[in-house]
Amino acid sequence: MAHWKFQFLPNERDIVALGYRMDATGEALEREVNAAIRYPLKFHKVSKIVVALGPAPKPERDYFEVLGVGKKQWPLFDLRGYVTMAEHEKVQALRKVTMDTFAWLEASFDDAHFATLARARLKWAT
């Protein structure tokens, strides 16, 4: 059974897709990253990383963990700009955020080895 270990979350409703969902480009990259991440993460008591894109509707901490989910904010991600991008630009933008998230986790926590391993398994990761 596949485990959902990584997810993008637009911080603004109905911008990228219906509700707080990503478009097909984002969902495809989520699946690719999920396939590269081993389970369990063995990262604190976290079983899923959520990457929150765009400014939060109310002030939130840059990173926090609750109920087994680690949530990393990327408030400077331009959601409105993202929806107007060409497909290859969307892929590049989301790959960059993914790599930046993994790098931030690795720099911030000694037990973020899952990010190092996932990066090594992603063919496009640099």
N, C-alpha and C. Protein backbone atom coordinates (compact mmCIF):
# COMPACT_ATOMS: atom_id res chain seq x y z
N MET A 1 0.83 -1.19 0.00
CA MET A 1 0.00 0.00 0.00
C MET A 1 0.88 1.25 0.00
N ALA A 2 0.59 2.19 -0.87
CA ALA A 2 1.35 3.43 -0.95
C ALA A 2 0.95 4.36 0.20
N HIS A 3 1.93 5.06 0.72
CA HIS A 3 1.67 6.03 1.78
C HIS A 3 1.88 7.42 1.23
N TRP A 4 1.00 8.33 1.58
CA TRP A 4 1.09 9.72 1.17
C TRP A 4 2.05 10.40 2.13
N LYS A 5 3.26 10.74 1.67
CA LYS A 5 4.32 11.25 2.54
C LYS A 5 4.69 12.70 2.25
N PHE A 6 4.26 13.20 1.10
CA PHE A 6 4.65 14.53 0.65
C PHE A 6 3.48 15.14 -0.10
N GLN A 7 3.19 16.42 0.20
CA GLN A 7 2.04 17.06 -0.45
C GLN A 7 2.27 18.57 -0.56
N PHE A 8 1.87 19.13 -1.70
CA PHE A 8 1.81 20.58 -1.86
C PHE A 8 0.44 21.04 -1.40
N LEU A 9 0.39 22.22 -0.79
CA LEU A 9 -0.87 22.78 -0.33
C LEU A 9 -0.91 24.28 -0.64
N PRO A 10 -1.70 24.70 -1.61
CA PRO A 10 -1.83 26.15 -1.83
C PRO A 10 -2.47 26.78 -0.59
N ASN A 11 -1.90 27.88 -0.11
CA ASN A 11 -2.44 28.54 1.07
C ASN A 11 -3.69 29.37 0.76
N GLU A 12 -4.01 29.50 -0.53
CA GLU A 12 -5.19 30.26 -0.91
C GLU A 12 -6.14 29.35 -1.68
N ARG A 13 -7.37 29.37 -1.30
CA ARG A 13 -8.40 28.51 -1.88
C ARG A 13 -8.74 28.89 -3.32
N ASP A 14 -8.99 27.88 -4.14
CA ASP A 14 -9.49 28.05 -5.51
C ASP A 14 -8.57 28.87 -6.43
N ILE A 15 -7.28 28.90 -6.16
CA ILE A 15 -6.35 29.61 -7.04
C ILE A 15 -5.75 28.64 -8.04
N VAL A 16 -5.20 27.54 -7.57
CA VAL A 16 -4.54 26.58 -8.46
C VAL A 16 -5.55 25.57 -9.00
N ALA A 17 -6.39 25.06 -8.14
CA ALA A 17 -7.44 24.11 -8.50
C ALA A 17 -8.58 24.29 -7.50
N LEU A 18 -9.58 23.44 -7.59
CA LEU A 18 -10.73 23.55 -6.71
C LEU A 18 -10.32 23.36 -5.25
N GLY A 19 -10.75 24.24 -4.41
CA GLY A 19 -10.41 24.16 -2.99
C GLY A 19 -8.93 24.42 -2.78
N TYR A 20 -8.32 23.60 -1.94
CA TYR A 20 -6.89 23.73 -1.64
C TYR A 20 -6.08 22.66 -2.35
N ARG A 21 -6.49 22.28 -3.53
CA ARG A 21 -5.82 21.22 -4.29
C ARG A 21 -4.84 21.81 -5.29
N MET A 22 -3.92 20.97 -5.72
CA MET A 22 -2.98 21.33 -6.77
C MET A 22 -3.55 20.91 -8.12
N ASP A 23 -2.97 21.44 -9.17
CA ASP A 23 -3.34 21.05 -10.51
C ASP A 23 -2.66 19.73 -10.87
N ALA A 24 -2.88 19.26 -12.10
CA ALA A 24 -2.31 17.97 -12.52
C ALA A 24 -0.78 17.98 -12.46
N THR A 25 -0.16 19.11 -12.76
CA THR A 25 1.29 19.21 -12.70
C THR A 25 1.79 18.99 -11.28
N GLY A 26 1.17 19.65 -10.33
CA GLY A 26 1.55 19.49 -8.93
C GLY A 26 1.29 18.09 -8.42
N GLU A 27 0.17 17.52 -8.81
CA GLU A 27 -0.16 16.16 -8.36
C GLU A 27 0.82 15.15 -8.93
N ALA A 28 1.24 15.34 -10.18
CA ALA A 28 2.22 14.42 -10.79
C ALA A 28 3.55 14.50 -10.05
N LEU A 29 3.98 15.70 -9.70
CA LEU A 29 5.24 15.84 -8.97
C LEU A 29 5.12 15.27 -7.55
N GLU A 30 3.96 15.46 -6.93
CA GLU A 30 3.73 14.85 -5.61
C GLU A 30 3.91 13.33 -5.68
N ARG A 31 3.32 12.71 -6.70
CA ARG A 31 3.43 11.25 -6.85
C ARG A 31 4.88 10.83 -7.03
N GLU A 32 5.62 11.59 -7.84
CA GLU A 32 7.02 11.28 -8.08
C GLU A 32 7.84 11.38 -6.78
N VAL A 33 7.62 12.43 -6.03
CA VAL A 33 8.35 12.62 -4.77
C VAL A 33 7.92 11.56 -3.75
N ASN A 34 6.65 11.26 -3.69
CA ASN A 34 6.17 10.22 -2.78
C ASN A 34 6.81 8.88 -3.08
N ALA A 35 7.00 8.57 -4.35
CA ALA A 35 7.64 7.30 -4.73
C ALA A 35 9.11 7.27 -4.31
N ALA A 36 9.73 8.44 -4.21
CA ALA A 36 11.15 8.51 -3.85
C ALA A 36 11.39 8.51 -2.35
N ILE A 37 10.36 8.79 -1.56
CA ILE A 37 10.51 8.87 -0.10
C ILE A 37 10.20 7.52 0.51
N ARG A 38 11.11 7.04 1.33
CA ARG A 38 10.86 5.76 2.01
C ARG A 38 9.86 5.97 3.15
N TYR A 39 9.19 4.91 3.51
CA TYR A 39 8.22 4.96 4.60
C TYR A 39 8.51 3.83 5.56
N PRO A 40 8.50 4.08 6.85
CA PRO A 40 8.23 5.35 7.51
C PRO A 40 9.41 6.30 7.36
N LEU A 41 9.13 7.59 7.55
CA LEU A 41 10.16 8.60 7.38
C LEU A 41 11.27 8.48 8.42
N LYS A 42 10.92 8.02 9.62
CA LYS A 42 11.86 7.98 10.76
C LYS A 42 12.38 9.39 11.03
N PHE A 43 11.46 10.33 11.01
CA PHE A 43 11.75 11.74 11.23
C PHE A 43 10.82 12.23 12.32
N HIS A 44 11.38 12.42 13.52
CA HIS A 44 10.58 12.76 14.70
C HIS A 44 9.40 11.79 14.77
N LYS A 45 8.21 12.31 14.90
CA LYS A 45 7.01 11.46 14.84
C LYS A 45 6.18 11.86 13.63
N VAL A 46 6.87 12.36 12.61
CA VAL A 46 6.21 12.86 11.40
C VAL A 46 6.09 11.74 10.38
N SER A 47 4.92 11.64 9.78
CA SER A 47 4.72 10.66 8.71
C SER A 47 4.41 11.32 7.37
N LYS A 48 4.30 12.65 7.36
CA LYS A 48 3.98 13.37 6.13
C LYS A 48 4.53 14.79 6.20
N ILE A 49 5.06 15.26 5.08
CA ILE A 49 5.52 16.65 4.96
C ILE A 49 4.57 17.38 4.01
N VAL A 50 4.04 18.49 4.48
CA VAL A 50 3.17 19.34 3.66
C VAL A 50 3.93 20.63 3.36
N VAL A 51 3.99 20.97 2.09
CA VAL A 51 4.66 22.19 1.64
C VAL A 51 3.57 23.20 1.30
N ALA A 52 3.43 24.21 2.17
CA ALA A 52 2.38 25.22 2.00
C ALA A 52 2.90 26.36 1.12
N LEU A 53 2.21 26.59 0.01
CA LEU A 53 2.66 27.54 -1.01
C LEU A 53 1.88 28.84 -0.95
N GLY A 54 2.61 29.96 -0.98
CA GLY A 54 1.98 31.27 -0.98
C GLY A 54 1.77 31.79 0.43
N PRO A 55 1.39 33.05 0.54
CA PRO A 55 1.17 33.63 1.86
C PRO A 55 0.01 32.93 2.59
N ALA A 56 0.22 32.67 3.86
CA ALA A 56 -0.84 32.06 4.68
C ALA A 56 -1.92 33.10 4.97
N PRO A 57 -3.17 32.66 5.06
CA PRO A 57 -4.26 33.61 5.32
C PRO A 57 -4.15 34.29 6.69
N LYS A 58 -3.50 33.62 7.62
CA LYS A 58 -3.23 34.21 8.93
C LYS A 58 -1.79 33.82 9.30
N PRO A 59 -1.15 34.58 10.15
CA PRO A 59 0.25 34.28 10.48
C PRO A 59 0.43 32.87 11.02
N GLU A 60 1.40 32.16 10.46
CA GLU A 60 1.75 30.82 10.91
C GLU A 60 3.25 30.73 11.06
N ARG A 61 3.70 29.81 11.90
CA ARG A 61 5.13 29.57 12.03
C ARG A 61 5.69 29.04 10.72
N ASP A 62 6.97 29.28 10.49
CA ASP A 62 7.64 28.84 9.27
C ASP A 62 7.55 27.32 9.12
N TYR A 63 7.68 26.62 10.24
CA TYR A 63 7.57 25.16 10.23
C TYR A 63 6.99 24.73 11.57
N PHE A 64 6.07 23.80 11.51
CA PHE A 64 5.55 23.21 12.74
C PHE A 64 5.06 21.80 12.47
N GLU A 65 4.93 21.04 13.54
CA GLU A 65 4.48 19.65 13.46
C GLU A 65 3.25 19.49 14.33
N VAL A 66 2.25 18.82 13.77
CA VAL A 66 1.04 18.54 14.53
C VAL A 66 0.41 17.26 13.97
N LEU A 67 0.03 16.37 14.87
CA LEU A 67 -0.65 15.13 14.52
C LEU A 67 0.06 14.34 13.42
N GLY A 68 1.38 14.27 13.50
CA GLY A 68 2.15 13.48 12.56
C GLY A 68 2.44 14.14 11.22
N VAL A 69 2.10 15.43 11.11
CA VAL A 69 2.33 16.16 9.87
C VAL A 69 3.28 17.32 10.14
N GLY A 70 4.35 17.40 9.35
CA GLY A 70 5.23 18.56 9.38
C GLY A 70 4.83 19.50 8.27
N LYS A 71 4.59 20.77 8.61
CA LYS A 71 4.12 21.74 7.61
C LYS A 71 5.16 22.85 7.46
N LYS A 72 5.69 22.97 6.24
CA LYS A 72 6.69 23.99 5.92
C LYS A 72 6.07 25.05 5.04
N GLN A 73 6.16 26.29 5.47
CA GLN A 73 5.60 27.42 4.73
C GLN A 73 6.59 27.98 3.72
N TRP A 74 6.11 28.29 2.52
CA TRP A 74 6.86 29.02 1.49
C TRP A 74 6.00 30.21 1.08
N PRO A 75 5.97 31.28 1.93
CA PRO A 75 5.06 32.40 1.69
C PRO A 75 5.39 33.23 0.45
N LEU A 76 6.61 33.17 -0.06
CA LEU A 76 6.97 33.96 -1.23
C LEU A 76 6.63 33.26 -2.55
N PHE A 77 6.12 32.05 -2.48
CA PHE A 77 5.71 31.34 -3.70
C PHE A 77 4.51 32.07 -4.29
N ASP A 78 4.61 32.44 -5.56
CA ASP A 78 3.58 33.22 -6.24
C ASP A 78 2.54 32.29 -6.87
N LEU A 79 1.45 32.05 -6.17
CA LEU A 79 0.41 31.15 -6.68
C LEU A 79 -0.25 31.68 -7.95
N ARG A 80 -0.52 32.97 -7.99
CA ARG A 80 -1.17 33.55 -9.17
C ARG A 80 -0.23 33.50 -10.38
N GLY A 81 1.04 33.71 -10.15
CA GLY A 81 2.02 33.58 -11.22
C GLY A 81 2.15 32.14 -11.67
N TYR A 82 2.08 31.22 -10.72
CA TYR A 82 2.20 29.80 -11.03
C TYR A 82 1.12 29.36 -12.03
N VAL A 83 -0.10 29.77 -11.82
CA VAL A 83 -1.19 29.30 -12.69
C VAL A 83 -1.06 29.82 -14.12
N THR A 84 -0.31 30.87 -14.35
CA THR A 84 -0.13 31.40 -15.70
C THR A 84 1.11 30.83 -16.39
N MET A 85 1.89 30.05 -15.68
CA MET A 85 3.14 29.51 -16.24
C MET A 85 2.86 28.40 -17.24
N ALA A 86 3.82 28.21 -18.13
CA ALA A 86 3.80 27.05 -19.03
C ALA A 86 4.10 25.81 -18.19
N GLU A 87 3.74 24.67 -18.72
CA GLU A 87 3.90 23.39 -18.00
C GLU A 87 5.33 23.20 -17.48
N HIS A 88 6.32 23.38 -18.34
CA HIS A 88 7.71 23.16 -17.93
C HIS A 88 8.14 24.15 -16.85
N GLU A 89 7.60 25.35 -16.86
CA GLU A 89 7.92 26.34 -15.82
C GLU A 89 7.31 25.93 -14.48
N LYS A 90 6.10 25.40 -14.51
CA LYS A 90 5.46 24.91 -13.29
C LYS A 90 6.29 23.78 -12.68
N VAL A 91 6.71 22.85 -13.52
CA VAL A 91 7.52 21.73 -13.04
C VAL A 91 8.80 22.26 -12.38
N GLN A 92 9.48 23.19 -13.05
CA GLN A 92 10.71 23.74 -12.49
C GLN A 92 10.46 24.45 -11.16
N ALA A 93 9.39 25.23 -11.07
CA ALA A 93 9.07 25.96 -9.84
C ALA A 93 8.81 24.99 -8.68
N LEU A 94 8.04 23.93 -8.95
CA LEU A 94 7.72 22.97 -7.89
C LEU A 94 8.93 22.11 -7.53
N ARG A 95 9.76 21.78 -8.49
CA ARG A 95 10.98 21.04 -8.19
C ARG A 95 11.90 21.88 -7.30
N LYS A 96 12.00 23.17 -7.60
CA LYS A 96 12.84 24.05 -6.77
C LYS A 96 12.33 24.11 -5.34
N VAL A 97 11.04 24.29 -5.18
CA VAL A 97 10.46 24.32 -3.82
C VAL A 97 10.71 22.99 -3.11
N THR A 98 10.59 21.89 -3.83
CA THR A 98 10.84 20.57 -3.23
C THR A 98 12.28 20.47 -2.76
N MET A 99 13.22 20.84 -3.61
CA MET A 99 14.64 20.75 -3.23
C MET A 99 14.97 21.73 -2.11
N ASP A 100 14.39 22.91 -2.14
CA ASP A 100 14.60 23.89 -1.07
C ASP A 100 14.05 23.36 0.25
N THR A 101 12.91 22.69 0.19
CA THR A 101 12.32 22.11 1.40
C THR A 101 13.21 21.01 1.96
N PHE A 102 13.67 20.12 1.09
CA PHE A 102 14.56 19.05 1.55
C PHE A 102 15.84 19.63 2.13
N ALA A 103 16.43 20.61 1.47
CA ALA A 103 17.67 21.23 1.96
C ALA A 103 17.43 21.90 3.32
N TRP A 104 16.30 22.57 3.47
CA TRP A 104 15.98 23.23 4.73
C TRP A 104 15.81 22.20 5.85
N LEU A 105 15.11 21.12 5.56
CA LEU A 105 14.92 20.07 6.57
C LEU A 105 16.26 19.47 6.98
N GLU A 106 17.12 19.18 6.00
CA GLU A 106 18.43 18.59 6.28
C GLU A 106 19.30 19.54 7.11
N ALA A 107 19.24 20.83 6.82
CA ALA A 107 20.04 21.81 7.57
C ALA A 107 19.49 22.06 8.97
N SER A 108 18.19 21.85 9.14
CA SER A 108 17.53 22.17 10.41
C SER A 108 17.44 21.01 11.39
N PHE A 109 17.46 19.76 10.89
CA PHE A 109 17.23 18.61 11.74
C PHE A 109 18.23 17.50 11.44
N ASP A 110 18.82 16.95 12.49
CA ASP A 110 19.80 15.87 12.33
C ASP A 110 19.18 14.57 11.82
N ASP A 111 17.89 14.39 12.00
CA ASP A 111 17.25 13.13 11.62
C ASP A 111 16.42 13.23 10.34
N ALA A 112 16.74 14.19 9.48
CA ALA A 112 15.99 14.37 8.22
C ALA A 112 16.62 13.57 7.09
N HIS A 113 17.11 12.37 7.39
CA HIS A 113 17.77 11.54 6.39
C HIS A 113 16.84 11.14 5.25
N PHE A 114 15.56 11.07 5.50
CA PHE A 114 14.61 10.71 4.45
C PHE A 114 14.72 11.68 3.28
N ALA A 115 15.00 12.96 3.57
CA ALA A 115 15.11 13.97 2.51
C ALA A 115 16.36 13.72 1.66
N THR A 116 17.46 13.37 2.31
CA THR A 116 18.70 13.06 1.60
C THR A 116 18.50 11.86 0.68
N LEU A 117 17.87 10.83 1.21
CA LEU A 117 17.62 9.62 0.42
C LEU A 117 16.66 9.89 -0.74
N ALA A 118 15.64 10.67 -0.48
CA ALA A 118 14.67 10.99 -1.55
C ALA A 118 15.36 11.77 -2.66
N ARG A 119 16.18 12.73 -2.29
CA ARG A 119 16.88 13.53 -3.29
C ARG A 119 17.76 12.65 -4.17
N ALA A 120 18.40 11.67 -3.55
CA ALA A 120 19.26 10.76 -4.30
C ALA A 120 18.46 9.89 -5.27
N ARG A 121 17.19 9.65 -4.97
CA ARG A 121 16.35 8.79 -5.81
C ARG A 121 15.62 9.56 -6.91
N LEU A 122 15.61 10.88 -6.81
CA LEU A 122 14.94 11.70 -7.83
C LEU A 122 15.94 12.02 -8.94
N LYS A 123 15.67 11.57 -10.14
CA LYS A 123 16.60 11.72 -11.27
C LYS A 123 16.93 13.18 -11.57
N TRP A 124 16.00 14.08 -11.34
CA TRP A 124 16.19 15.49 -11.68
C TRP A 124 16.81 16.30 -10.57
N ALA A 125 16.99 15.72 -9.39
CA ALA A 125 17.51 16.47 -8.24
C ALA A 125 19.00 16.76 -8.44
N THR A 126 19.37 17.98 -8.04
CA THR A 126 20.78 18.36 -8.14
C THR A 126 21.37 18.63 -6.78
